[in-house]
Each structure stands twice: as structure tokens, then as C-alpha cells.
N, C-alpha and C. Protein backbone atom coordinates (compact mmCIF):
# COMPACT_ATOMS: atom_id res chain seq x y z
N MET A 1 249.87 113.14 173.89
CA MET A 1 250.75 112.05 173.24
C MET A 1 251.71 111.93 172.69
N ARG A 2 252.64 111.32 172.67
CA ARG A 2 253.63 111.18 171.88
C ARG A 2 253.75 111.00 170.55
N GLU A 3 254.07 111.56 169.45
CA GLU A 3 253.84 111.30 167.93
C GLU A 3 253.78 109.89 167.65
N GLY A 4 252.77 109.40 166.80
CA GLY A 4 253.38 107.96 166.44
C GLY A 4 252.81 107.05 167.46
N LYS A 5 252.57 107.29 168.90
CA LYS A 5 252.60 106.33 169.82
C LYS A 5 250.98 105.91 169.44
N THR A 6 250.01 104.71 169.62
CA THR A 6 248.89 104.72 169.97
C THR A 6 248.43 104.65 171.76
N ASP A 7 247.46 104.44 172.03
CA ASP A 7 247.03 104.41 173.20
C ASP A 7 247.75 103.76 174.76
N MET A 8 247.75 102.42 173.71
CA MET A 8 248.57 101.04 174.52
C MET A 8 250.41 101.38 174.54
N GLU A 9 250.69 101.89 173.46
CA GLU A 9 252.11 101.93 173.62
C GLU A 9 252.80 103.38 174.72
N PHE A 10 252.15 104.23 174.64
CA PHE A 10 252.19 105.66 175.36
C PHE A 10 253.19 105.31 176.57
N TRP A 11 252.91 104.47 177.57
CA TRP A 11 253.72 104.39 178.74
C TRP A 11 254.51 103.12 178.74
N LYS A 12 254.52 102.68 177.37
CA LYS A 12 255.78 101.18 177.06
C LYS A 12 257.13 101.73 177.45
N GLY A 13 257.76 101.24 178.15
CA GLY A 13 259.24 101.37 178.71
C GLY A 13 259.42 102.42 179.77
N GLU A 14 258.54 103.36 180.19
CA GLU A 14 258.36 104.20 180.98
C GLU A 14 258.37 103.38 182.27
N GLN A 15 259.11 104.27 183.51
CA GLN A 15 259.26 103.64 184.89
C GLN A 15 258.77 104.79 185.52
N CYS A 16 258.81 104.61 187.10
CA CYS A 16 257.96 105.26 187.96
C CYS A 16 259.10 105.75 188.88
N GLU A 17 258.86 107.19 188.60
CA GLU A 17 259.72 108.07 189.02
C GLU A 17 260.31 107.81 190.62
N TYR A 18 259.13 107.41 191.47
CA TYR A 18 259.53 106.88 193.12
C TYR A 18 259.91 105.67 193.40
N CYS A 19 259.65 104.71 192.66
CA CYS A 19 259.97 103.22 192.84
C CYS A 19 260.59 102.74 191.53
N HIS A 20 260.86 103.11 190.39
CA HIS A 20 261.39 102.50 189.13
C HIS A 20 260.60 101.39 188.74
N GLY A 21 259.47 100.96 189.40
CA GLY A 21 258.77 99.74 188.85
C GLY A 21 257.94 100.51 187.08
N ALA A 22 257.79 99.58 186.37
CA ALA A 22 256.83 99.28 185.47
C ALA A 22 255.94 100.07 185.51
N ILE A 23 255.55 100.97 184.68
CA ILE A 23 254.37 101.91 184.29
C ILE A 23 253.56 100.68 183.18
N VAL A 24 252.08 100.29 183.34
CA VAL A 24 251.38 100.17 182.45
C VAL A 24 250.24 101.25 182.11
N GLU A 25 249.50 100.72 180.94
CA GLU A 25 248.51 101.21 180.91
C GLU A 25 247.27 100.90 181.48
N LYS A 26 246.10 101.60 182.28
CA LYS A 26 244.80 101.30 182.62
C LYS A 26 244.01 101.97 182.53
N ARG A 27 242.53 101.18 182.92
CA ARG A 27 241.68 102.53 183.01
C ARG A 27 241.28 102.77 184.10
N VAL A 28 240.95 104.15 185.09
CA VAL A 28 240.80 103.85 186.25
C VAL A 28 239.53 105.13 186.35
N ALA A 29 238.93 105.31 187.68
CA ALA A 29 238.37 106.32 188.26
C ALA A 29 238.98 106.76 189.19
N MET A 30 238.53 108.46 189.01
CA MET A 30 238.84 109.20 189.90
C MET A 30 238.23 110.14 190.23
N THR A 31 237.74 110.74 191.60
CA THR A 31 237.34 111.79 192.08
C THR A 31 237.89 112.96 192.65
N ARG A 32 237.05 113.79 192.26
CA ARG A 32 237.49 115.32 192.39
C ARG A 32 236.59 116.34 193.18
N LYS A 33 236.96 117.16 194.08
CA LYS A 33 235.92 118.14 194.82
C LYS A 33 236.17 119.05 193.75
N VAL A 34 234.80 119.81 193.28
CA VAL A 34 234.86 121.16 192.58
C VAL A 34 233.45 121.68 192.85
N LYS A 35 233.81 123.24 193.79
CA LYS A 35 232.68 123.98 193.78
C LYS A 35 231.74 122.99 194.56
N GLY A 36 232.79 122.76 195.78
CA GLY A 36 232.06 121.82 196.79
C GLY A 36 231.00 120.59 197.12
N LYS A 37 231.52 120.48 195.53
CA LYS A 37 230.64 118.95 194.96
C LYS A 37 231.58 117.96 194.83
N TYR A 38 230.94 116.36 194.89
CA TYR A 38 232.42 115.84 194.49
C TYR A 38 231.62 115.29 193.44
N VAL A 39 232.61 115.09 192.19
CA VAL A 39 232.37 114.49 191.06
C VAL A 39 233.44 113.31 190.86
N LEU A 40 233.03 112.08 190.05
CA LEU A 40 233.63 110.52 190.08
C LEU A 40 233.50 110.67 188.33
N ILE A 41 234.92 110.44 187.99
CA ILE A 41 235.14 110.48 186.38
C ILE A 41 235.52 109.11 185.78
N GLU A 42 234.97 108.28 185.22
CA GLU A 42 234.96 107.04 184.81
C GLU A 42 236.30 106.60 183.90
N ASN A 43 236.83 105.79 183.88
CA ASN A 43 236.92 105.05 182.67
C ASN A 43 238.42 105.78 182.04
N VAL A 44 239.19 106.76 182.55
CA VAL A 44 240.35 107.51 182.61
C VAL A 44 241.33 106.91 182.39
N PRO A 45 242.11 106.94 181.18
CA PRO A 45 243.32 106.30 181.04
C PRO A 45 244.44 106.45 181.63
N ALA A 46 245.19 106.03 182.11
CA ALA A 46 246.47 106.49 183.07
C ALA A 46 247.32 105.47 183.06
N GLY A 47 248.74 105.57 183.12
CA GLY A 47 249.72 105.25 183.19
C GLY A 47 249.48 104.48 184.64
N VAL A 48 249.95 103.30 185.16
CA VAL A 48 249.84 103.21 186.38
C VAL A 48 251.23 102.02 186.77
N CYS A 49 251.58 102.62 187.99
CA CYS A 49 253.30 101.95 188.47
C CYS A 49 252.43 100.13 188.60
N GLU A 50 253.15 99.10 188.40
CA GLU A 50 252.64 97.97 188.88
C GLU A 50 253.36 97.78 190.79
N GLU A 51 254.46 98.38 190.57
CA GLU A 51 254.87 98.01 192.23
C GLU A 51 254.32 98.95 192.97
N CYS A 52 254.18 100.50 192.99
CA CYS A 52 253.62 100.91 193.91
C CYS A 52 252.14 101.94 193.77
N GLY A 53 251.73 101.64 192.32
CA GLY A 53 250.24 102.39 192.26
C GLY A 53 250.20 103.75 191.64
N THR A 54 251.54 104.24 191.67
CA THR A 54 251.42 105.69 191.14
C THR A 54 250.83 105.91 190.07
N ARG A 55 249.76 106.74 189.71
CA ARG A 55 249.70 106.99 188.51
C ARG A 55 250.07 108.07 187.48
N TYR A 56 250.01 108.23 186.38
CA TYR A 56 250.39 109.12 185.77
C TYR A 56 249.43 109.42 184.51
N TYR A 57 249.42 110.56 184.16
CA TYR A 57 248.16 110.76 182.95
C TYR A 57 248.83 111.96 181.91
N ALA A 58 248.20 111.57 180.78
CA ALA A 58 249.32 112.54 179.63
C ALA A 58 248.21 113.90 179.79
N ALA A 59 249.16 114.55 178.80
CA ALA A 59 248.51 115.90 178.92
C ALA A 59 247.40 116.05 178.23
N ASN A 60 247.02 115.12 177.21
CA ASN A 60 245.48 115.53 176.65
C ASN A 60 244.38 115.06 177.66
N VAL A 61 245.07 113.56 178.29
CA VAL A 61 243.61 113.36 179.13
C VAL A 61 243.47 114.51 180.26
N LEU A 62 244.56 115.39 180.78
CA LEU A 62 244.22 116.18 181.92
C LEU A 62 243.79 117.14 181.56
N LYS A 63 243.68 117.43 180.49
CA LYS A 63 242.94 118.68 179.55
C LYS A 63 241.46 118.22 179.19
N THR A 64 240.82 117.12 179.03
CA THR A 64 239.77 116.51 179.14
C THR A 64 238.99 116.51 180.28
N ILE A 65 239.95 115.96 181.21
CA ILE A 65 239.46 116.31 182.49
C ILE A 65 239.03 117.46 183.20
N GLU A 66 239.85 118.36 183.20
CA GLU A 66 239.70 119.64 183.35
C GLU A 66 238.42 120.19 183.01
N GLU A 67 238.20 120.04 181.35
CA GLU A 67 236.96 120.35 180.70
C GLU A 67 235.90 119.21 181.18
N THR A 68 235.69 118.18 181.83
CA THR A 68 235.09 118.08 182.19
C THR A 68 234.35 118.30 183.70
N ILE A 69 235.71 118.91 184.57
CA ILE A 69 234.91 119.01 185.98
C ILE A 69 235.02 120.75 185.75
N ARG A 70 235.12 121.24 184.55
CA ARG A 70 234.59 122.69 184.78
C ARG A 70 233.48 122.88 184.23
N GLY A 71 232.70 121.66 183.87
CA GLY A 71 231.07 121.88 183.72
C GLY A 71 231.23 121.94 182.15
N ARG A 72 232.13 121.67 181.24
CA ARG A 72 231.86 122.08 179.68
C ARG A 72 231.60 120.82 178.89
N ARG A 73 231.30 119.63 179.83
CA ARG A 73 230.84 118.38 179.22
C ARG A 73 229.73 117.70 179.87
N LYS A 74 228.79 117.42 180.01
CA LYS A 74 227.30 117.20 180.53
C LYS A 74 227.92 115.56 181.14
N ALA A 75 227.28 115.44 182.33
CA ALA A 75 227.70 114.38 183.36
C ALA A 75 226.57 113.18 182.85
N LYS A 76 227.13 111.95 182.40
CA LYS A 76 226.71 111.27 181.89
C LYS A 76 225.46 110.22 182.80
N ARG A 77 225.78 110.41 183.96
CA ARG A 77 224.63 109.81 184.53
C ARG A 77 224.93 110.44 186.45
N GLU A 78 224.01 110.44 187.39
CA GLU A 78 224.55 111.09 188.52
C GLU A 78 224.01 109.96 189.58
N VAL A 79 224.60 109.89 190.57
CA VAL A 79 224.51 109.00 191.58
C VAL A 79 224.46 109.39 193.11
N LEU A 80 223.62 108.60 193.80
CA LEU A 80 223.29 109.11 195.11
C LEU A 80 224.75 108.22 196.43
N VAL A 81 225.52 109.00 196.93
CA VAL A 81 226.71 108.30 197.64
C VAL A 81 226.48 109.11 199.25
N PRO A 82 226.53 107.32 199.71
CA PRO A 82 225.79 107.69 201.04
C PRO A 82 227.15 108.42 201.92
N VAL A 83 227.47 109.18 203.03
CA VAL A 83 228.12 109.74 204.00
C VAL A 83 228.09 109.13 204.79
N TYR A 84 229.51 109.05 205.69
CA TYR A 84 229.53 108.59 207.05
C TYR A 84 230.56 109.26 207.59
N SER A 85 230.21 109.57 209.07
CA SER A 85 231.29 110.40 209.77
C SER A 85 231.46 109.45 211.09
N LEU A 86 232.59 109.53 211.46
CA LEU A 86 233.12 108.63 212.71
C LEU A 86 233.48 109.45 213.48
């Protein structure tokens, strides 16, 4: 994070590189496939474009996500996910 900025101010004044919309701080969920299994990561702080929805992540958040999906952090819970095929 930028020095001297709080979490909610990190994205203030930033614009989307694709559509130039305003970026606002939100908490999002993201899924990733790791070693053939899907993982869900909840409550991820992200900058989200108000116009097109593009997500941006701070470096420290990406580091935490990497540690999480590499198994260095214990999962909070597990859920069963139905799978459909068409």
C-alpha cells in the first residue's frame, strides 16, 4: 500500500486503465483453481471500476492471496459445490 494511505483511501483518485472509470474500494470474492481443485477466497479488498467492473489488487493483497492458495494458511471452512455439465 502507498505510504500514509489508509485502506479506504488507497484507490481514491485512481482511474481504470481500460475505460477511465473511477475505482472504488470493495470487498470481493474470488475463485482460483489450485492443483486441480477450486478454492474460494472471500472478503478480498480490491479496487473495482465503477464503469466496467475491472478489479485491481494491491501488492500486499496479492501476496496474501498467494500464501493462502499455496496452503500456508488454513481454510476457514469448506463447502460442497454442485457441478453441472451441458
